[in-house]
Every structure is written in structure tokens, then in C-alpha cells.
């Protein structure tokens, strides 16, 4: 939501308490997922909770 309001990605990441290095690692790991795969991953994550 912050990004949709024009906040730069790294600024939004910092505002929610995530380090830039953590964001970069996450993005390199999961940033290239296709929508279908990321949706399935999201559903699997909710099932564990």
C-alpha cells in the first residue's frame, strides 16, 4: 500500500522494519515467481498457520 501511494520500495521496506539486505535476499529468492506459483506458495503458508 505504501508503494501504491508513491513511497519508494526501500523506504516502505524500512518503514515496516525489514532491513534492506533482507528485502534484497527475499527478492532474489522469490521475486521472479510467477503469479500462479506465488499464489500456491501463499496458500501453503496459510495452511501451516
N, C-alpha and C. Protein backbone atom coordinates (compact mmCIF):
# COMPACT_ATOMS: atom_id res chain seq x y z
N UNK A 1 0.82 -1.18 0.00
CA UNK A 1 0.00 0.00 0.00
C UNK A 1 0.87 1.26 0.00
N UNK A 2 1.98 1.20 0.72
CA UNK A 2 2.87 2.36 0.74
C UNK A 2 3.44 2.63 -0.65
N UNK A 3 3.78 1.57 -1.35
CA UNK A 3 4.35 1.72 -2.69
C UNK A 3 3.30 2.29 -3.64
N UNK A 4 2.06 1.85 -3.50
CA UNK A 4 0.98 2.36 -4.34
C UNK A 4 0.78 3.86 -4.11
N UNK A 5 1.11 4.33 -2.93
CA UNK A 5 0.99 5.76 -2.62
C UNK A 5 2.20 6.56 -3.06
N UNK A 6 3.16 5.89 -3.72
CA UNK A 6 4.32 6.60 -4.24
C UNK A 6 5.57 6.50 -3.40
N UNK A 7 5.51 5.75 -2.32
CA UNK A 7 6.69 5.58 -1.46
C UNK A 7 7.68 4.67 -2.18
N UNK A 8 8.97 5.02 -2.20
CA UNK A 8 9.96 4.12 -2.80
C UNK A 8 9.99 2.77 -2.07
N UNK A 9 10.31 1.72 -2.79
CA UNK A 9 10.28 0.37 -2.22
C UNK A 9 11.15 0.29 -0.97
N UNK A 10 12.39 0.75 -1.04
CA UNK A 10 13.27 0.64 0.13
C UNK A 10 12.76 1.47 1.30
N UNK A 11 12.12 2.59 1.03
CA UNK A 11 11.52 3.37 2.11
C UNK A 11 10.38 2.62 2.77
N UNK A 12 9.55 1.97 1.97
CA UNK A 12 8.44 1.18 2.51
C UNK A 12 8.95 0.00 3.30
N UNK A 13 10.00 -0.64 2.79
CA UNK A 13 10.59 -1.79 3.49
C UNK A 13 11.12 -1.36 4.85
N UNK A 14 11.80 -0.24 4.90
CA UNK A 14 12.33 0.26 6.17
C UNK A 14 11.21 0.62 7.14
N UNK A 15 10.12 1.19 6.62
CA UNK A 15 9.00 1.58 7.49
C UNK A 15 8.36 0.39 8.19
N UNK A 16 8.37 -0.78 7.55
CA UNK A 16 7.77 -1.95 8.20
C UNK A 16 8.79 -2.74 9.00
N UNK A 17 10.02 -2.23 9.09
CA UNK A 17 11.02 -2.83 9.96
C UNK A 17 11.84 -3.95 9.34
N UNK A 18 11.92 -3.98 8.02
CA UNK A 18 12.70 -5.00 7.33
C UNK A 18 13.98 -4.35 6.82
N UNK A 19 15.10 -5.01 7.06
CA UNK A 19 16.39 -4.48 6.59
C UNK A 19 16.47 -4.58 5.07
N UNK A 20 17.18 -3.66 4.45
CA UNK A 20 17.35 -3.67 3.00
C UNK A 20 17.99 -4.97 2.54
N UNK A 21 18.94 -5.50 3.29
CA UNK A 21 19.59 -6.76 2.92
C UNK A 21 18.58 -7.91 2.92
N UNK A 22 17.68 -7.92 3.89
CA UNK A 22 16.66 -8.96 3.96
C UNK A 22 15.74 -8.87 2.76
N UNK A 23 15.34 -7.65 2.42
CA UNK A 23 14.48 -7.46 1.25
C UNK A 23 15.20 -7.92 -0.02
N UNK A 24 16.45 -7.55 -0.18
CA UNK A 24 17.21 -7.96 -1.37
C UNK A 24 17.31 -9.48 -1.45
N UNK A 25 17.55 -10.13 -0.32
CA UNK A 25 17.62 -11.60 -0.30
C UNK A 25 16.28 -12.20 -0.69
N UNK A 26 15.20 -11.71 -0.10
CA UNK A 26 13.86 -12.21 -0.42
C UNK A 26 13.57 -12.02 -1.90
N UNK A 27 13.89 -10.84 -2.42
CA UNK A 27 13.59 -10.56 -3.82
C UNK A 27 14.39 -11.46 -4.76
N UNK A 28 15.65 -11.71 -4.42
CA UNK A 28 16.44 -12.60 -5.28
C UNK A 28 15.91 -14.02 -5.22
N UNK A 29 15.36 -14.41 -4.08
CA UNK A 29 14.83 -15.77 -3.91
C UNK A 29 13.44 -15.93 -4.53
N UNK A 30 12.54 -14.99 -4.27
CA UNK A 30 11.13 -15.14 -4.63
C UNK A 30 10.61 -14.12 -5.63
N UNK A 31 11.39 -13.12 -5.96
CA UNK A 31 10.93 -12.03 -6.81
C UNK A 31 10.56 -12.43 -8.22
N UNK A 32 11.11 -13.54 -8.69
CA UNK A 32 10.83 -13.93 -10.07
C UNK A 32 9.74 -15.00 -10.17
N UNK A 33 9.06 -15.28 -9.08
CA UNK A 33 7.99 -16.28 -9.13
C UNK A 33 6.85 -15.80 -10.01
N UNK A 34 6.27 -16.70 -10.72
CA UNK A 34 5.08 -16.38 -11.50
C UNK A 34 3.90 -16.27 -10.53
N UNK A 35 2.86 -15.58 -10.92
CA UNK A 35 1.72 -15.34 -10.05
C UNK A 35 1.11 -16.65 -9.56
N UNK A 36 0.93 -17.63 -10.43
CA UNK A 36 0.32 -18.89 -10.03
C UNK A 36 1.15 -19.58 -8.95
N UNK A 37 2.46 -19.59 -9.12
CA UNK A 37 3.31 -20.26 -8.14
C UNK A 37 3.33 -19.50 -6.82
N UNK A 38 3.39 -18.18 -6.87
CA UNK A 38 3.41 -17.40 -5.64
C UNK A 38 2.07 -17.53 -4.91
N UNK A 39 0.97 -17.62 -5.65
CA UNK A 39 -0.33 -17.80 -5.01
C UNK A 39 -0.41 -19.15 -4.32
N UNK A 40 0.10 -20.19 -4.96
CA UNK A 40 0.11 -21.52 -4.34
C UNK A 40 0.99 -21.51 -3.11
N UNK A 41 2.12 -20.81 -3.18
CA UNK A 41 3.02 -20.73 -2.03
C UNK A 41 2.33 -19.99 -0.88
N UNK A 42 1.60 -18.94 -1.20
CA UNK A 42 0.88 -18.17 -0.19
C UNK A 42 -0.19 -19.02 0.49
N UNK A 43 -0.93 -19.80 -0.27
CA UNK A 43 -1.95 -20.67 0.28
C UNK A 43 -1.33 -21.72 1.17
N UNK A 44 -0.19 -22.28 0.76
CA UNK A 44 0.50 -23.29 1.57
C UNK A 44 0.97 -22.68 2.87
N UNK A 45 1.43 -21.44 2.82
CA UNK A 45 1.87 -20.75 4.04
C UNK A 45 0.73 -20.51 5.01
N UNK A 46 -0.45 -20.22 4.50
CA UNK A 46 -1.62 -20.00 5.37
C UNK A 46 -2.08 -21.32 5.99
N UNK A 47 -1.90 -22.41 5.28
CA UNK A 47 -2.33 -23.71 5.79
C UNK A 47 -1.50 -24.12 7.01
N UNK A 48 -0.24 -23.69 7.05
CA UNK A 48 0.64 -24.02 8.18
C UNK A 48 0.26 -23.25 9.43
N UNK A 49 -0.30 -22.06 9.27
CA UNK A 49 -0.59 -21.19 10.41
C UNK A 49 -1.73 -21.69 11.24
